[in-house]
Amino acid sequence: MFLKNRRNGNMVDVTNMSDLTNLYHEKVSGRYQAGEELQDIEEFNKSDLLFLSGEELPKCWTDPDYRTAKK
């Protein structure tokens, strides 16, 4: 899945979807999509990633307490 790094705007190809959707994992492995050569795999904080449209990742992917009502 392609996401965007909020810090630099570059596209990131997430290599393991189960890490992305697991709300207890704060980091995912992926690689930047830049140039013609395959880039090295890096660790990315989920908090630094957005959908390509600029939308935030769903809370159910990032917040273990997303069902708890916050006051």
PDB file of N, CA and C in Angstrom:
ATOM      1  N   MET A   1       0.850  -1.168   0.000  1.00  0.00           N
ATOM      2  CA  MET A   1       0.000   0.000   0.000  1.00  0.00           C
ATOM      3  C   MET A   1       0.895   1.231   0.000  1.00  0.00           C
ATOM      4  N   PHE A   2       0.515   2.217  -0.793  1.00  0.00           N
ATOM      5  CA  PHE A   2       1.268   3.456  -0.852  1.00  0.00           C
ATOM      6  C   PHE A   2       0.674   4.488   0.096  1.00  0.00           C
ATOM      7  N   LEU A   3       1.545   5.099   0.886  1.00  0.00           N
ATOM      8  CA  LEU A   3       1.173   6.176   1.784  1.00  0.00           C
ATOM      9  C   LEU A   3       2.140   7.328   1.554  1.00  0.00           C
ATOM     10  N   LYS A   4       1.897   8.433   2.228  1.00  0.00           N
ATOM     11  CA  LYS A   4       2.745   9.606   2.080  1.00  0.00           C
ATOM     12  C   LYS A   4       3.361   9.957   3.428  1.00  0.00           C
ATOM     13  N   ASN A   5       4.642  10.300   3.413  1.00  0.00           N
ATOM     14  CA  ASN A   5       5.322  10.743   4.615  1.00  0.00           C
ATOM     15  C   ASN A   5       4.956  12.208   4.851  1.00  0.00           C
ATOM     16  N   ARG A   6       4.370  12.509   5.999  1.00  0.00           N
ATOM     17  CA  ARG A   6       3.900  13.871   6.271  1.00  0.00           C
ATOM     18  C   ARG A   6       5.053  14.865   6.405  1.00  0.00           C
ATOM     19  N   ARG A   7       6.232  14.410   6.752  1.00  0.00           N
ATOM     20  CA  ARG A   7       7.372  15.312   6.954  1.00  0.00           C
ATOM     21  C   ARG A   7       7.972  15.824   5.647  1.00  0.00           C
ATOM     22  N   ASN A   8       8.066  14.945   4.643  1.00  0.00           N
ATOM     23  CA  ASN A   8       8.711  15.356   3.406  1.00  0.00           C
ATOM     24  C   ASN A   8       7.830  15.213   2.161  1.00  0.00           C
ATOM     25  N   GLY A   9       6.641  14.623   2.316  1.00  0.00           N
ATOM     26  CA  GLY A   9       5.712  14.487   1.193  1.00  0.00           C
ATOM     27  C   GLY A   9       6.040  13.352   0.241  1.00  0.00           C
ATOM     28  N   ASN A  10       7.081  12.569   0.524  1.00  0.00           N
ATOM     29  CA  ASN A  10       7.464  11.471  -0.358  1.00  0.00           C
ATOM     30  C   ASN A  10       6.549  10.268  -0.178  1.00  0.00           C
ATOM     31  N   MET A  11       6.382   9.505  -1.252  1.00  0.00           N
ATOM     32  CA  MET A  11       5.540   8.324  -1.230  1.00  0.00           C
ATOM     33  C   MET A  11       6.302   7.152  -0.625  1.00  0.00           C
ATOM     34  N   VAL A  12       5.609   6.382   0.234  1.00  0.00           N
ATOM     35  CA  VAL A  12       6.192   5.235   0.927  1.00  0.00           C
ATOM     36  C   VAL A  12       5.366   4.000   0.573  1.00  0.00           C
ATOM     37  N   ASP A  13       6.044   2.934   0.173  1.00  0.00           N
ATOM     38  CA  ASP A  13       5.399   1.650  -0.087  1.00  0.00           C
ATOM     39  C   ASP A  13       5.523   0.803   1.174  1.00  0.00           C
ATOM     40  N   VAL A  14       4.415   0.586   1.873  1.00  0.00           N
ATOM     41  CA  VAL A  14       4.418  -0.216   3.106  1.00  0.00           C
ATOM     42  C   VAL A  14       4.523  -1.684   2.708  1.00  0.00           C
ATOM     43  N   THR A  15       5.520  -2.378   3.271  1.00  0.00           N
ATOM     44  CA  THR A  15       5.789  -3.751   2.861  1.00  0.00           C
ATOM     45  C   THR A  15       4.995  -4.800   3.636  1.00  0.00           C
ATOM     46  N   ASN A  16       4.491  -4.448   4.822  1.00  0.00           N
ATOM     47  CA  ASN A  16       3.764  -5.422   5.630  1.00  0.00           C
ATOM     48  C   ASN A  16       2.453  -4.803   6.108  1.00  0.00           C
ATOM     49  N   MET A  17       1.368  -5.151   5.467  1.00  0.00           N
ATOM     50  CA  MET A  17       0.060  -4.577   5.805  1.00  0.00           C
ATOM     51  C   MET A  17      -0.393  -4.949   7.205  1.00  0.00           C
ATOM     52  N   SER A  18      -0.001  -6.110   7.708  1.00  0.00           N
ATOM     53  CA  SER A  18      -0.452  -6.497   9.051  1.00  0.00           C
ATOM     54  C   SER A  18       0.139  -5.570  10.117  1.00  0.00           C
ATOM     55  N   ASP A  19       1.352  -5.067   9.909  1.00  0.00           N
ATOM     56  CA  ASP A  19       1.916  -4.085  10.845  1.00  0.00           C
ATOM     57  C   ASP A  19       1.146  -2.770  10.770  1.00  0.00           C
ATOM     58  N   LEU A  20       0.735  -2.400   9.584  1.00  0.00           N
ATOM     59  CA  LEU A  20       0.004  -1.143   9.398  1.00  0.00           C
ATOM     60  C   LEU A  20      -1.352  -1.187  10.096  1.00  0.00           C
ATOM     61  N   THR A  21      -2.054  -2.278   9.981  1.00  0.00           N
ATOM     62  CA  THR A  21      -3.397  -2.363  10.557  1.00  0.00           C
ATOM     63  C   THR A  21      -3.416  -2.817  12.008  1.00  0.00           C
ATOM     64  N   ASN A  22      -2.278  -3.272  12.538  1.00  0.00           N
ATOM     65  CA  ASN A  22      -2.196  -3.686  13.935  1.00  0.00           C
ATOM     66  C   ASN A  22      -2.051  -2.447  14.807  1.00  0.00           C
ATOM     67  N   LEU A  23      -3.055  -2.155  15.611  1.00  0.00           N
ATOM     68  CA  LEU A  23      -3.051  -0.922  16.391  1.00  0.00           C
ATOM     69  C   LEU A  23      -2.022  -0.906  17.503  1.00  0.00           C
ATOM     70  N   TYR A  24      -1.391  -2.036  17.796  1.00  0.00           N
ATOM     71  CA  TYR A  24      -0.356  -2.075  18.830  1.00  0.00           C
ATOM     72  C   TYR A  24       1.056  -1.884  18.263  1.00  0.00           C
ATOM     73  N   HIS A  25       1.171  -1.806  16.963  1.00  0.00           N
ATOM     74  CA  HIS A  25       2.471  -1.548  16.336  1.00  0.00           C
ATOM     75  C   HIS A  25       2.554  -0.066  16.000  1.00  0.00           C
ATOM     76  N   GLU A  26       3.577   0.601  16.510  1.00  0.00           N
ATOM     77  CA  GLU A  26       3.747   2.027  16.264  1.00  0.00           C
ATOM     78  C   GLU A  26       4.555   2.305  15.011  1.00  0.00           C
ATOM     79  N   LYS A  27       5.269   1.291  14.512  1.00  0.00           N
ATOM     80  CA  LYS A  27       6.116   1.469  13.335  1.00  0.00           C
ATOM     81  C   LYS A  27       5.762   0.431  12.285  1.00  0.00           C
ATOM     82  N   VAL A  28       6.042   0.793  11.042  1.00  0.00           N
ATOM     83  CA  VAL A  28       5.858  -0.127   9.922  1.00  0.00           C
ATOM     84  C   VAL A  28       7.124  -0.104   9.076  1.00  0.00           C
ATOM     85  N   SER A  29       7.366  -1.187   8.378  1.00  0.00           N
ATOM     86  CA  SER A  29       8.497  -1.214   7.451  1.00  0.00           C
ATOM     87  C   SER A  29       7.991  -0.861   6.062  1.00  0.00           C
ATOM     88  N   GLY A  30       8.830  -0.154   5.344  1.00  0.00           N
ATOM     89  CA  GLY A  30       8.462   0.247   3.995  1.00  0.00           C
ATOM     90  C   GLY A  30       9.667   0.840   3.297  1.00  0.00           C
ATOM     91  N   ARG A  31       9.437   1.268   2.062  1.00  0.00           N
ATOM     92  CA  ARG A  31      10.520   1.880   1.304  1.00  0.00           C
ATOM     93  C   ARG A  31       9.977   3.047   0.512  1.00  0.00           C
ATOM     94  N   TYR A  32      10.810   4.065   0.399  1.00  0.00           N
ATOM     95  CA  TYR A  32      10.432   5.217  -0.405  1.00  0.00           C
ATOM     96  C   TYR A  32      10.322   4.805  -1.869  1.00  0.00           C
ATOM     97  N   GLN A  33       9.392   5.391  -2.560  1.00  0.00           N
ATOM     98  CA  GLN A  33       9.254   5.214  -4.003  1.00  0.00           C
ATOM     99  C   GLN A  33       9.902   6.418  -4.664  1.00  0.00           C
ATOM    100  N   ALA A  34      11.155   6.271  -5.023  1.00  0.00           N
ATOM    101  CA  ALA A  34      11.894   7.381  -5.630  1.00  0.00           C
ATOM    102  C   ALA A  34      12.874   6.817  -6.645  1.00  0.00           C
ATOM    103  N   GLY A  35      12.890   7.386  -7.807  1.00  0.00           N
ATOM    104  CA  GLY A  35      13.816   6.939  -8.835  1.00  0.00           C
ATOM    105  C   GLY A  35      13.415   5.596  -9.420  1.00  0.00           C
ATOM    106  N   GLU A  36      14.320   5.031 -10.181  1.00  0.00           N
ATOM    107  CA  GLU A  36      14.037   3.769 -10.869  1.00  0.00           C
ATOM    108  C   GLU A  36      14.497   2.552 -10.072  1.00  0.00           C
ATOM    109  N   GLU A  37      15.428   2.747  -9.144  1.00  0.00           N
ATOM    110  CA  GLU A  37      15.938   1.621  -8.372  1.00  0.00           C
ATOM    111  C   GLU A  37      15.108   1.417  -7.108  1.00  0.00           C
ATOM    112  N   LEU A  38      15.002   0.167  -6.701  1.00  0.00           N
ATOM    113  CA  LEU A  38      14.295  -0.185  -5.473  1.00  0.00           C
ATOM    114  C   LEU A  38      15.090   0.338  -4.287  1.00  0.00           C
ATOM    115  N   GLN A  39      14.431   1.092  -3.421  1.00  0.00           N
ATOM    116  CA  GLN A  39      15.090   1.687  -2.253  1.00  0.00           C
ATOM    117  C   GLN A  39      15.178   0.671  -1.117  1.00  0.00           C
ATOM    118  N   ASP A  40      16.054   0.930  -0.164  1.00  0.00           N
ATOM    119  CA  ASP A  40      16.213   0.056   1.001  1.00  0.00           C
ATOM    120  C   ASP A  40      15.000   0.177   1.921  1.00  0.00           C
ATOM    121  N   ILE A  41      14.683  -0.908   2.619  1.00  0.00           N
ATOM    122  CA  ILE A  41      13.575  -0.909   3.570  1.00  0.00           C
ATOM    123  C   ILE A  41      13.982  -0.128   4.810  1.00  0.00           C
ATOM    124  N   GLU A  42      13.061   0.700   5.289  1.00  0.00           N
ATOM    125  CA  GLU A  42      13.264   1.514   6.489  1.00  0.00           C
ATOM    126  C   GLU A  42      12.077   1.322   7.421  1.00  0.00           C
ATOM    127  N   GLU A  43      12.240   1.780   8.656  1.00  0.00           N
ATOM    128  CA  GLU A  43      11.151   1.805   9.632  1.00  0.00           C
ATOM    129  C   GLU A  43      10.526   3.199   9.618  1.00  0.00           C
ATOM    130  N   PHE A  44       9.196   3.260   9.614  1.00  0.00           N
ATOM    131  CA  PHE A  44       8.469   4.523   9.631  1.00  0.00           C
ATOM    132  C   PHE A  44       7.496   4.516  10.798  1.00  0.00           C
ATOM    133  N   ASN A  45       7.410   5.620  11.519  1.00  0.00           N
ATOM    134  CA  ASN A  45       6.386   5.772  12.542  1.00  0.00           C
ATOM    135  C   ASN A  45       5.041   5.953  11.856  1.00  0.00           C
ATOM    136  N   LYS A  46       4.041   5.258  12.343  1.00  0.00           N
ATOM    137  CA  LYS A  46       2.708   5.422  11.757  1.00  0.00           C
ATOM    138  C   LYS A  46       2.225   6.866  11.854  1.00  0.00           C
ATOM    139  N   SER A  47       2.626   7.550  12.913  1.00  0.00           N
ATOM    140  CA  SER A  47       2.197   8.942  13.099  1.00  0.00           C
ATOM    141  C   SER A  47       2.744   9.858  12.009  1.00  0.00           C
ATOM    142  N   ASP A  48       3.776   9.423  11.282  1.00  0.00           N
ATOM    143  CA  ASP A  48       4.354  10.217  10.201  1.00  0.00           C
ATOM    144  C   ASP A  48       3.739   9.907   8.840  1.00  0.00           C
ATOM    145  N   LEU A  49       2.782   8.983   8.795  1.00  0.00           N
ATOM    146  CA  LEU A  49       2.215   8.563   7.517  1.00  0.00           C
ATOM    147  C   LEU A  49       0.781   9.032   7.339  1.00  0.00           C
ATOM    148  N   LEU A  50       0.444   9.329   6.096  1.00  0.00           N
ATOM    149  CA  LEU A  50      -0.900   9.743   5.695  1.00  0.00           C
ATOM    150  C   LEU A  50      -1.276   8.976   4.436  1.00  0.00           C
ATOM    151  N   PHE A  51      -2.569   8.931   4.134  1.00  0.00           N
ATOM    152  CA  PHE A  51      -2.980   8.442   2.827  1.00  0.00           C
ATOM    153  C   PHE A  51      -2.510   9.446   1.780  1.00  0.00           C
ATOM    154  N   LEU A  52      -2.393   9.021   0.549  1.00  0.00           N
ATOM    155  CA  LEU A  52      -1.930   9.903  -0.516  1.00  0.00           C
ATOM    156  C   LEU A  52      -2.823  11.127  -0.679  1.00  0.00           C
ATOM    157  N   SER A  53      -4.096  11.001  -0.299  1.00  0.00           N
ATOM    158  CA  SER A  53      -5.042  12.116  -0.392  1.00  0.00           C
ATOM    159  C   SER A  53      -4.821  13.156   0.702  1.00  0.00           C
ATOM    160  N   GLY A  54      -3.974  12.827   1.693  1.00  0.00           N
ATOM    161  CA  GLY A  54      -3.724  13.733   2.811  1.00  0.00           C
ATOM    162  C   GLY A  54      -4.536  13.396   4.043  1.00  0.00           C
ATOM    163  N   GLU A  55      -5.385  12.388   3.950  1.00  0.00           N
ATOM    164  CA  GLU A  55      -6.194  11.978   5.107  1.00  0.00           C
ATOM    165  C   GLU A  55      -5.340  11.218   6.113  1.00  0.00           C
ATOM    166  N   GLU A  56      -5.695  11.353   7.385  1.00  0.00           N
ATOM    167  CA  GLU A  56      -5.026  10.629   8.467  1.00  0.00           C
ATOM    168  C   GLU A  56      -5.356   9.140   8.379  1.00  0.00           C
ATOM    169  N   LEU A  57      -4.495   8.309   8.960  1.00  0.00           N
ATOM    170  CA  LEU A  57      -4.798   6.882   9.068  1.00  0.00           C
ATOM    171  C   LEU A  57      -5.948   6.701  10.048  1.00  0.00           C
ATOM    172  N   PRO A  58      -6.763   5.658   9.874  1.00  0.00           N
ATOM    173  CA  PRO A  58      -7.878   5.434  10.797  1.00  0.00           C
ATOM    174  C   PRO A  58      -7.406   5.202  12.230  1.00  0.00           C
ATOM    175  N   LYS A  59      -8.174   5.676  13.181  1.00  0.00           N
ATOM    176  CA  LYS A  59      -7.841   5.491  14.606  1.00  0.00           C
ATOM    177  C   LYS A  59      -7.723   4.015  14.964  1.00  0.00           C
ATOM    178  N   CYS A  60      -8.512   3.153  14.311  1.00  0.00           N
ATOM    179  CA  CYS A  60      -8.471   1.727  14.629  1.00  0.00           C
ATOM    180  C   CYS A  60      -7.160   1.078  14.167  1.00  0.00           C
ATOM    181  N   TRP A  61      -6.300   1.817  13.462  1.00  0.00           N
ATOM    182  CA  TRP A  61      -4.979   1.335  13.076  1.00  0.00           C
ATOM    183  C   TRP A  61      -3.895   1.904  13.982  1.00  0.00           C
ATOM    184  N   THR A  62      -4.211   2.967  14.729  1.00  0.00           N
ATOM    185  CA  THR A  62      -3.164   3.682  15.445  1.00  0.00           C
ATOM    186  C   THR A  62      -3.398   3.844  16.948  1.00  0.00           C
ATOM    187  N   ASP A  63      -4.627   3.769  17.412  1.00  0.00           N
ATOM    188  CA  ASP A  63      -4.941   4.076  18.808  1.00  0.00           C
ATOM    189  C   ASP A  63      -5.603   2.877  19.490  1.00  0.00           C
ATOM    190  N   PRO A  64      -4.889   2.197  20.406  1.00  0.00           N
ATOM    191  CA  PRO A  64      -5.478   1.051  21.091  1.00  0.00           C
ATOM    192  C   PRO A  64      -6.745   1.380  21.882  1.00  0.00           C
ATOM    193  N   ASP A  65      -6.934   2.636  22.253  1.00  0.00           N
ATOM    194  CA  ASP A  65      -8.107   3.040  23.023  1.00  0.00           C
ATOM    195  C   ASP A  65      -9.143   3.770  22.166  1.00  0.00           C
ATOM    196  N   TYR A  66      -9.184   3.471  20.873  1.00  0.00           N
ATOM    197  CA  TYR A  66     -10.067   4.229  19.986  1.00  0.00           C
ATOM    198  C   TYR A  66     -11.558   4.038  20.308  1.00  0.00           C
ATOM    199  N   ARG A  67     -11.909   2.963  20.979  1.00  0.00           N
ATOM    200  CA  ARG A  67     -13.320   2.751  21.324  1.00  0.00           C
ATOM    201  C   ARG A  67     -13.735   3.437  22.616  1.00  0.00           C
ATOM    202  N   THR A  68     -12.767   3.859  23.392  1.00  0.00           N
ATOM    203  CA  THR A  68     -13.058   4.517  24.663  1.00  0.00           C
ATOM    204  C   THR A  68     -13.455   5.975  24.393  1.00  0.00           C
ATOM    205  N   ALA A  69     -14.576   6.363  24.962  1.00  0.00           N
ATOM    206  CA  ALA A  69     -15.038   7.748  24.788  1.00  0.00           C
ATOM    207  C   ALA A  69     -14.099   8.687  25.507  1.00  0.00           C
ATOM    208  N   LYS A  70     -13.667   9.724  24.805  1.00  0.00           N
ATOM    209  CA  LYS A  70     -12.783  10.700  25.418  1.00  0.00           C
ATOM    210  C   LYS A  70     -13.578  11.952  25.715  1.00  0.00           C
ATOM    211  N   LYS A  71     -13.337  12.514  26.910  1.00  0.00           N
ATOM    212  CA  LYS A  71     -14.087  13.693  27.332  1.00  0.00           C
ATOM    213  C   LYS A  71     -13.274  14.936  27.154  1.00  0.00           C
TER     214      LYS A  71
END
